[in-house]
């Protein structure tokens, strides 16, 4: 498994995609948080908080995570190496999981450098350290889980087609729907009686919950269930080639 994982990571960084994803994530956040004037600018707000980062990042990842995952399986299909891949002494699910872990690892590589924002805000605060550390770490955990769900959706979309562009679009649309779609549906008048239930199906509700700094097992169960569900769906899609 480690050999395949290492191969996938090397593939990311032997092309431009790995570097582009990390640079774009950091650059866009940096511009909005430190340079562009407005509500997201920390210096303009006067508050020592990284809330802007955690509002912007889910939207940035809506584009970046599908870009990471779109080639994971679709490229194998296009090149005709998919059958060779599944002759490895690994189960179908192990191969899918390794590819998923490689995608999540690149997401983690993107998030980690943003810790310099936390350090900056920590020391810019008056007094020094005047930042809600618990909520900040909770938000980082929530952001990682959110991106991990996007990655599971992305690998599912990649398994559906050998066209990377189609995989990118399907992944982006599904991620968008799971992030904000249920909240939009719940606002419809004829869903008022079950509004709370529908909202709980969406990522954003659980992301906001963890961002408060309290790790609720219900949120962890939600994220892991969605991830497991899409990975299992990916396995079913790939197994359909044998039918």
C-alpha atoms as a PDB file:
ATOM      1  CA  UNK A   1       0.000   0.000   0.000  1.00  0.00           C
ATOM      2  CA  UNK A   2       2.811   2.401   0.864  1.00  0.00           C
ATOM      3  CA  UNK A   3       4.405   1.914  -2.571  1.00  0.00           C
ATOM      4  CA  UNK A   4       1.172   2.914  -4.309  1.00  0.00           C
ATOM      5  CA  UNK A   5       0.693   5.842  -1.914  1.00  0.00           C
ATOM      6  CA  UNK A   6       4.239   7.058  -2.606  1.00  0.00           C
ATOM      7  CA  UNK A   7       3.648   6.722  -6.354  1.00  0.00           C
ATOM      8  CA  UNK A   8       0.513   8.875  -6.169  1.00  0.00           C
ATOM      9  CA  UNK A   9       2.252  11.566  -4.119  1.00  0.00           C
ATOM     10  CA  UNK A  10       5.188  11.567  -6.553  1.00  0.00           C
ATOM     11  CA  UNK A  11       2.738  11.916  -9.448  1.00  0.00           C
ATOM     12  CA  UNK A  12       1.272  15.032  -7.836  1.00  0.00           C
ATOM     13  CA  UNK A  13       4.647  16.696  -7.367  1.00  0.00           C
ATOM     14  CA  UNK A  14       6.231  15.491 -10.605  1.00  0.00           C
ATOM     15  CA  UNK A  15       3.613  17.570 -12.403  1.00  0.00           C
ATOM     16  CA  UNK A  16       2.566  21.132 -11.675  1.00  0.00           C
ATOM     17  CA  UNK A  17      -0.771  20.271 -10.066  1.00  0.00           C
ATOM     18  CA  UNK A  18       0.592  19.663  -6.569  1.00  0.00           C
ATOM     19  CA  UNK A  19       2.462  22.962  -6.483  1.00  0.00           C
ATOM     20  CA  UNK A  20      -0.370  24.888  -8.141  1.00  0.00           C
ATOM     21  CA  UNK A  21      -2.932  23.672  -5.593  1.00  0.00           C
ATOM     22  CA  UNK A  22      -0.771  24.683  -2.621  1.00  0.00           C
ATOM     23  CA  UNK A  23       0.231  28.047  -4.130  1.00  0.00           C
ATOM     24  CA  UNK A  24      -3.319  28.964  -5.215  1.00  0.00           C
ATOM     25  CA  UNK A  25      -4.800  28.063  -1.817  1.00  0.00           C
ATOM     26  CA  UNK A  26      -2.238  30.159   0.065  1.00  0.00           C
ATOM     27  CA  UNK A  27      -2.181  33.019  -2.443  1.00  0.00           C
ATOM     28  CA  UNK A  28      -5.948  33.536  -2.654  1.00  0.00           C
ATOM     29  CA  UNK A  29      -6.355  33.362   1.126  1.00  0.00           C
ATOM     30  CA  UNK A  30      -3.386  35.699   1.678  1.00  0.00           C
ATOM     31  CA  UNK A  31      -4.733  38.301  -0.730  1.00  0.00           C
ATOM     32  CA  UNK A  32      -8.181  38.404   0.871  1.00  0.00           C
ATOM     33  CA  UNK A  33      -6.945  38.151   4.462  1.00  0.00           C
ATOM     34  CA  UNK A  34      -3.978  40.541   4.358  1.00  0.00           C
ATOM     35  CA  UNK A  35      -4.049  42.637   1.148  1.00  0.00           C
ATOM     36  CA  UNK A  36      -7.502  43.320  -0.315  1.00  0.00           C
ATOM     37  CA  UNK A  37      -9.530  45.754   1.807  1.00  0.00           C
ATOM     38  CA  UNK A  38     -12.933  44.540   2.957  1.00  0.00           C
ATOM     39  CA  UNK A  39     -14.700  42.366   5.482  1.00  0.00           C
ATOM     40  CA  UNK A  40     -12.219  39.484   5.127  1.00  0.00           C
ATOM     41  CA  UNK A  41      -9.147  41.637   5.820  1.00  0.00           C
ATOM     42  CA  UNK A  42      -7.883  40.915   9.346  1.00  0.00           C
ATOM     43  CA  UNK A  43      -6.057  44.246   9.652  1.00  0.00           C
ATOM     44  CA  UNK A  44      -9.194  46.167   8.669  1.00  0.00           C
ATOM     45  CA  UNK A  45     -11.460  44.231  11.030  1.00  0.00           C
ATOM     46  CA  UNK A  46      -9.436  45.049  14.124  1.00  0.00           C
ATOM     47  CA  UNK A  47     -10.084  41.617  15.636  1.00  0.00           C
ATOM     48  CA  UNK A  48      -7.478  38.898  16.201  1.00  0.00           C
ATOM     49  CA  UNK A  49      -9.345  36.059  14.540  1.00  0.00           C
ATOM     50  CA  UNK A  50      -8.833  33.719  11.583  1.00  0.00           C
ATOM     51  CA  UNK A  51     -12.540  33.510  10.830  1.00  0.00           C
ATOM     52  CA  UNK A  52     -11.920  34.889   7.327  1.00  0.00           C
ATOM     53  CA  UNK A  53      -9.670  31.929   6.491  1.00  0.00           C
ATOM     54  CA  UNK A  54     -12.320  29.433   7.527  1.00  0.00           C
ATOM     55  CA  UNK A  55     -15.064  31.233   5.582  1.00  0.00           C
ATOM     56  CA  UNK A  56     -13.025  31.468   2.373  1.00  0.00           C
ATOM     57  CA  UNK A  57     -11.299  28.063   2.398  1.00  0.00           C
ATOM     58  CA  UNK A  58     -14.377  25.844   1.826  1.00  0.00           C
ATOM     59  CA  UNK A  59     -15.156  27.836  -1.331  1.00  0.00           C
ATOM     60  CA  UNK A  60     -11.557  27.702  -2.564  1.00  0.00           C
ATOM     61  CA  UNK A  61     -11.427  23.960  -1.925  1.00  0.00           C
ATOM     62  CA  UNK A  62     -14.604  23.555  -4.007  1.00  0.00           C
ATOM     63  CA  UNK A  63     -12.340  24.132  -7.023  1.00  0.00           C
ATOM     64  CA  UNK A  64      -8.976  22.870  -5.797  1.00  0.00           C
ATOM     65  CA  UNK A  65      -9.968  19.473  -4.376  1.00  0.00           C
ATOM     66  CA  UNK A  66     -11.757  18.373  -7.592  1.00  0.00           C
ATOM     67  CA  UNK A  67      -8.610  19.464  -9.468  1.00  0.00           C
ATOM     68  CA  UNK A  68      -6.578  17.144  -7.215  1.00  0.00           C
ATOM     69  CA  UNK A  69      -8.884  14.143  -7.470  1.00  0.00           C
ATOM     70  CA  UNK A  70     -10.105  14.353 -11.067  1.00  0.00           C
ATOM     71  CA  UNK A  71      -7.225  12.277 -12.445  1.00  0.00           C
ATOM     72  CA  UNK A  72      -6.891   9.678  -9.670  1.00  0.00           C
ATOM     73  CA  UNK A  73      -8.990   7.000 -11.404  1.00  0.00           C
ATOM     74  CA  UNK A  74     -10.119   8.618 -14.667  1.00  0.00           C
ATOM     75  CA  UNK A  75      -6.510   8.808 -15.841  1.00  0.00           C
ATOM     76  CA  UNK A  76      -6.063   5.077 -15.172  1.00  0.00           C
ATOM     77  CA  UNK A  77      -9.169   4.393 -17.260  1.00  0.00           C
ATOM     78  CA  UNK A  78      -8.040   6.619 -20.100  1.00  0.00           C
ATOM     79  CA  UNK A  79      -4.530   5.148 -20.258  1.00  0.00           C
ATOM     80  CA  UNK A  80      -5.866   1.591 -19.995  1.00  0.00           C
ATOM     81  CA  UNK A  81      -3.880   0.791 -16.843  1.00  0.00           C
ATOM     82  CA  UNK A  82      -6.962   0.321 -14.666  1.00  0.00           C
ATOM     83  CA  UNK A  83      -6.997  -3.474 -15.096  1.00  0.00           C
ATOM     84  CA  UNK A  84      -3.256  -3.686 -14.429  1.00  0.00           C
ATOM     85  CA  UNK A  85      -3.728  -1.619 -11.286  1.00  0.00           C
ATOM     86  CA  UNK A  86      -6.324  -4.016  -9.916  1.00  0.00           C
ATOM     87  CA  UNK A  87      -4.030  -7.017 -10.457  1.00  0.00           C
ATOM     88  CA  UNK A  88      -1.895  -5.740  -7.567  1.00  0.00           C
ATOM     89  CA  UNK A  89      -1.989  -7.854  -4.384  1.00  0.00           C
ATOM     90  CA  UNK A  90      -4.418  -5.370  -2.847  1.00  0.00           C
ATOM     91  CA  UNK A  91      -8.193  -5.400  -2.594  1.00  0.00           C
ATOM     92  CA  UNK A  92     -10.227  -2.939  -4.673  1.00  0.00           C
ATOM     93  CA  UNK A  93     -11.078  -0.965  -1.556  1.00  0.00           C
ATOM     94  CA  UNK A  94      -7.418  -0.769  -0.453  1.00  0.00           C
ATOM     95  CA  UNK A  95      -6.441   0.694  -3.838  1.00  0.00           C
ATOM     96  CA  UNK A  96      -9.281   3.229  -3.665  1.00  0.00           C
ATOM     97  CA  UNK A  97      -8.379   4.128  -0.082  1.00  0.00           C
ATOM     98  CA  UNK A  98      -4.698   4.646  -0.919  1.00  0.00           C
ATOM     99  CA  UNK A  99      -5.608   6.976  -3.787  1.00  0.00           C
ATOM    100  CA  UNK A 100      -8.002   8.793  -1.476  1.00  0.00           C
ATOM    101  CA  UNK A 101      -5.280   9.170   1.185  1.00  0.00           C
ATOM    102  CA  UNK A 102      -2.917  10.613  -1.428  1.00  0.00           C
ATOM    103  CA  UNK A 103      -5.501  13.245  -2.348  1.00  0.00           C
ATOM    104  CA  UNK A 104      -6.184  14.078   1.309  1.00  0.00           C
ATOM    105  CA  UNK A 105      -2.437  14.326   1.975  1.00  0.00           C
ATOM    106  CA  UNK A 106      -2.069  16.987  -0.711  1.00  0.00           C
ATOM    107  CA  UNK A 107      -4.953  18.889   0.870  1.00  0.00           C
ATOM    108  CA  UNK A 108      -3.165  18.652   4.226  1.00  0.00           C
ATOM    109  CA  UNK A 109       0.042  19.970   2.616  1.00  0.00           C
ATOM    110  CA  UNK A 110      -2.023  22.961   1.468  1.00  0.00           C
ATOM    111  CA  UNK A 111      -3.505  23.655   4.904  1.00  0.00           C
ATOM    112  CA  UNK A 112      -0.363  23.288   7.021  1.00  0.00           C
ATOM    113  CA  UNK A 113       1.496  26.392   5.709  1.00  0.00           C
ATOM    114  CA  UNK A 114      -1.523  28.507   6.679  1.00  0.00           C
ATOM    115  CA  UNK A 115      -0.489  27.974  10.308  1.00  0.00           C
ATOM    116  CA  UNK A 116       1.772  30.971   9.749  1.00  0.00           C
ATOM    117  CA  UNK A 117      -1.455  33.029   9.671  1.00  0.00           C
ATOM    118  CA  UNK A 118      -2.292  31.738  13.144  1.00  0.00           C
ATOM    119  CA  UNK A 119       1.184  32.616  14.422  1.00  0.00           C
ATOM    120  CA  UNK A 120       0.954  36.094  12.867  1.00  0.00           C
ATOM    121  CA  UNK A 121      -2.456  36.839  14.360  1.00  0.00           C
ATOM    122  CA  UNK A 122      -1.343  35.391  17.713  1.00  0.00           C
ATOM    123  CA  UNK A 123       1.527  37.894  17.953  1.00  0.00           C
ATOM    124  CA  UNK A 124      -0.349  40.805  16.374  1.00  0.00           C
ATOM    125  CA  UNK A 125      -3.064  40.558  19.014  1.00  0.00           C
ATOM    126  CA  UNK A 126      -3.232  43.077  21.834  1.00  0.00           C
ATOM    127  CA  UNK A 127      -2.292  41.615  24.224  1.00  0.00           C
ATOM    128  CA  UNK A 128      -0.184  38.954  22.519  1.00  0.00           C
ATOM    129  CA  UNK A 129      -2.110  35.679  22.309  1.00  0.00           C
ATOM    130  CA  UNK A 130      -5.496  37.408  22.245  1.00  0.00           C
ATOM    131  CA  UNK A 131      -7.071  34.834  19.934  1.00  0.00           C
ATOM    132  CA  UNK A 132      -9.620  32.093  20.595  1.00  0.00           C
ATOM    133  CA  UNK A 133      -7.202  29.180  20.301  1.00  0.00           C
ATOM    134  CA  UNK A 134      -9.842  26.502  20.919  1.00  0.00           C
ATOM    135  CA  UNK A 135     -12.142  27.770  18.169  1.00  0.00           C
ATOM    136  CA  UNK A 136      -9.194  28.178  15.793  1.00  0.00           C
ATOM    137  CA  UNK A 137      -7.990  24.596  16.228  1.00  0.00           C
ATOM    138  CA  UNK A 138     -11.577  23.387  15.995  1.00  0.00           C
ATOM    139  CA  UNK A 139     -11.921  25.281  12.712  1.00  0.00           C
ATOM    140  CA  UNK A 140      -8.732  23.693  11.376  1.00  0.00           C
ATOM    141  CA  UNK A 141     -10.059  20.243  12.246  1.00  0.00           C
ATOM    142  CA  UNK A 142     -13.392  21.094  10.639  1.00  0.00           C
ATOM    143  CA  UNK A 143     -11.648  22.389   7.505  1.00  0.00           C
ATOM    144  CA  UNK A 144      -9.632  19.178   7.225  1.00  0.00           C
ATOM    145  CA  UNK A 145     -12.778  17.050   7.546  1.00  0.00           C
ATOM    146  CA  UNK A 146     -14.602  19.221   5.007  1.00  0.00           C
ATOM    147  CA  UNK A 147     -11.768  18.881   2.484  1.00  0.00           C
ATOM    148  CA  UNK A 148     -11.633  15.130   3.192  1.00  0.00           C
ATOM    149  CA  UNK A 149     -15.313  14.853   2.263  1.00  0.00           C
ATOM    150  CA  UNK A 150     -14.636  16.820  -0.927  1.00  0.00           C
ATOM    151  CA  UNK A 151     -11.815  14.363  -1.716  1.00  0.00           C
ATOM    152  CA  UNK A 152     -14.099  11.340  -1.252  1.00  0.00           C
ATOM    153  CA  UNK A 153     -16.647  12.943  -3.578  1.00  0.00           C
ATOM    154  CA  UNK A 154     -13.846  13.708  -6.024  1.00  0.00           C
ATOM    155  CA  UNK A 155     -12.554  10.143  -6.212  1.00  0.00           C
ATOM    156  CA  UNK A 156     -16.134   8.932  -6.733  1.00  0.00           C
ATOM    157  CA  UNK A 157     -16.559  11.374  -9.637  1.00  0.00           C
ATOM    158  CA  UNK A 158     -13.192  10.285 -11.046  1.00  0.00           C
ATOM    159  CA  UNK A 159     -14.391   6.659 -11.077  1.00  0.00           C
ATOM    160  CA  UNK A 160     -17.475   7.564 -13.124  1.00  0.00           C
ATOM    161  CA  UNK A 161     -15.636   8.652 -16.258  1.00  0.00           C
ATOM    162  CA  UNK A 162     -12.311   8.610 -18.060  1.00  0.00           C
ATOM    163  CA  UNK A 163     -12.671  12.305 -18.903  1.00  0.00           C
ATOM    164  CA  UNK A 164     -10.909  14.426 -16.280  1.00  0.00           C
ATOM    165  CA  UNK A 165     -12.896  17.572 -17.110  1.00  0.00           C
ATOM    166  CA  UNK A 166     -16.204  15.763 -16.593  1.00  0.00           C
ATOM    167  CA  UNK A 167     -14.857  14.282 -13.333  1.00  0.00           C
ATOM    168  CA  UNK A 168     -13.861  17.808 -12.210  1.00  0.00           C
ATOM    169  CA  UNK A 169     -17.297  19.286 -12.981  1.00  0.00           C
ATOM    170  CA  UNK A 170     -19.247  16.416 -11.376  1.00  0.00           C
ATOM    171  CA  UNK A 171     -17.052  16.551  -8.277  1.00  0.00           C
ATOM    172  CA  UNK A 172     -17.420  20.324  -7.968  1.00  0.00           C
ATOM    173  CA  UNK A 173     -21.211  20.215  -8.352  1.00  0.00           C
ATOM    174  CA  UNK A 174     -21.643  17.369  -5.851  1.00  0.00           C
ATOM    175  CA  UNK A 175     -19.335  19.080  -3.351  1.00  0.00           C
ATOM    176  CA  UNK A 176     -21.242  22.339  -3.766  1.00  0.00           C
ATOM    177  CA  UNK A 177     -24.542  20.560  -3.199  1.00  0.00           C
ATOM    178  CA  UNK A 178     -23.337  18.799  -0.051  1.00  0.00           C
ATOM    179  CA  UNK A 179     -21.784  22.013   1.260  1.00  0.00           C
ATOM    180  CA  UNK A 180     -24.660  24.439   0.796  1.00  0.00           C
ATOM    181  CA  UNK A 181     -27.411  22.662  -1.155  1.00  0.00           C
ATOM    182  CA  UNK A 182     -29.269  21.133   1.774  1.00  0.00           C
ATOM    183  CA  UNK A 183     -29.384  24.502   3.517  1.00  0.00           C
ATOM    184  CA  UNK A 184     -30.958  26.033   0.394  1.00  0.00           C
ATOM    185  CA  UNK A 185     -33.510  23.210   0.137  1.00  0.00           C
ATOM    186  CA  UNK A 186     -34.438  23.586   3.806  1.00  0.00           C
ATOM    187  CA  UNK A 187     -35.376  27.235   3.234  1.00  0.00           C
ATOM    188  CA  UNK A 188     -38.216  26.218   0.884  1.00  0.00           C
ATOM    189  CA  UNK A 189     -41.590  26.861   2.505  1.00  0.00           C
ATOM    190  CA  UNK A 190     -42.927  23.298   2.220  1.00  0.00           C
ATOM    191  CA  UNK A 191     -39.894  21.938   4.105  1.00  0.00           C
ATOM    192  CA  UNK A 192     -40.306  24.221   7.138  1.00  0.00           C
ATOM    193  CA  UNK A 193     -41.513  21.382   9.383  1.00  0.00           C
ATOM    194  CA  UNK A 194     -38.351  19.320   8.784  1.00  0.00           C
ATOM    195  CA  UNK A 195     -35.945  22.211   8.188  1.00  0.00           C
ATOM    196  CA  UNK A 196     -33.574  21.181  10.982  1.00  0.00           C
ATOM    197  CA  UNK A 197     -33.331  17.595   9.721  1.00  0.00           C
ATOM    198  CA  UNK A 198     -32.536  18.660   6.158  1.00  0.00           C
ATOM    199  CA  UNK A 199     -29.892  21.177   7.273  1.00  0.00           C
ATOM    200  CA  UNK A 200     -28.127  18.420   9.227  1.00  0.00           C
ATOM    201  CA  UNK A 201     -27.536  16.533   5.974  1.00  0.00           C
ATOM    202  CA  UNK A 202     -25.283  19.365   4.777  1.00  0.00           C
ATOM    203  CA  UNK A 203     -21.563  19.765   5.415  1.00  0.00           C
ATOM    204  CA  UNK A 204     -21.780  23.420   6.406  1.00  0.00           C
ATOM    205  CA  UNK A 205     -23.872  22.778   9.517  1.00  0.00           C
ATOM    206  CA  UNK A 206     -21.338  20.294  10.916  1.00  0.00           C
ATOM    207  CA  UNK A 207     -18.389  22.413   9.776  1.00  0.00           C
ATOM    208  CA  UNK A 208     -19.771  25.386  11.707  1.00  0.00           C
ATOM    209  CA  UNK A 209     -20.390  23.157  14.733  1.00  0.00           C
ATOM    210  CA  UNK A 210     -16.768  21.972  14.937  1.00  0.00           C
ATOM    211  CA  UNK A 211     -15.540  25.532  14.257  1.00  0.00           C
ATOM    212  CA  UNK A 212     -16.971  26.601  17.600  1.00  0.00           C
ATOM    213  CA  UNK A 213     -14.129  24.671  19.221  1.00  0.00           C
ATOM    214  CA  UNK A 214     -16.201  21.785  20.586  1.00  0.00           C
ATOM    215  CA  UNK A 215     -15.539  18.395  18.981  1.00  0.00           C
ATOM    216  CA  UNK A 216     -18.948  16.717  18.924  1.00  0.00           C
ATOM    217  CA  UNK A 217     -19.020  12.992  18.147  1.00  0.00           C
ATOM    218  CA  UNK A 218     -22.121  13.588  15.987  1.00  0.00           C
ATOM    219  CA  UNK A 219     -20.066  15.791  13.680  1.00  0.00           C
ATOM    220  CA  UNK A 220     -17.226  13.259  13.501  1.00  0.00           C
ATOM    221  CA  UNK A 221     -19.722  10.469  12.743  1.00  0.00           C
ATOM    222  CA  UNK A 222     -21.318  12.611  10.022  1.00  0.00           C
ATOM    223  CA  UNK A 223     -18.024  13.342   8.252  1.00  0.00           C
ATOM    224  CA  UNK A 224     -16.697   9.781   8.480  1.00  0.00           C
ATOM    225  CA  UNK A 225     -20.038   8.389   7.293  1.00  0.00           C
ATOM    226  CA  UNK A 226     -20.098  10.624   4.198  1.00  0.00           C
ATOM    227  CA  UNK A 227     -16.476   9.747   3.408  1.00  0.00           C
ATOM    228  CA  UNK A 228     -17.101   6.019   3.863  1.00  0.00           C
ATOM    229  CA  UNK A 229     -20.282   6.243   1.786  1.00  0.00           C
ATOM    230  CA  UNK A 230     -18.557   7.818  -1.208  1.00  0.00           C
ATOM    231  CA  UNK A 231     -15.578   5.461  -1.005  1.00  0.00           C
ATOM    232  CA  UNK A 232     -17.962   2.496  -0.943  1.00  0.00           C
ATOM    233  CA  UNK A 233     -19.874   3.994  -3.893  1.00  0.00           C
ATOM    234  CA  UNK A 234     -16.545   4.301  -5.736  1.00  0.00           C
ATOM    235  CA  UNK A 235     -15.887   0.616  -5.081  1.00  0.00           C
ATOM    236  CA  UNK A 236     -19.304  -0.289  -6.514  1.00  0.00           C
ATOM    237  CA  UNK A 237     -18.670   1.806  -9.632  1.00  0.00           C
ATOM    238  CA  UNK A 238     -15.330   0.102 -10.255  1.00  0.00           C
ATOM    239  CA  UNK A 239     -16.724  -3.339  -9.570  1.00  0.00           C
ATOM    240  CA  UNK A 240     -19.408  -2.728 -12.196  1.00  0.00           C
ATOM    241  CA  UNK A 241     -16.695  -3.199 -14.839  1.00  0.00           C
ATOM    242  CA  UNK A 242     -16.852  -6.912 -14.037  1.00  0.00           C
ATOM    243  CA  UNK A 243     -20.611  -7.174 -14.508  1.00  0.00           C
END
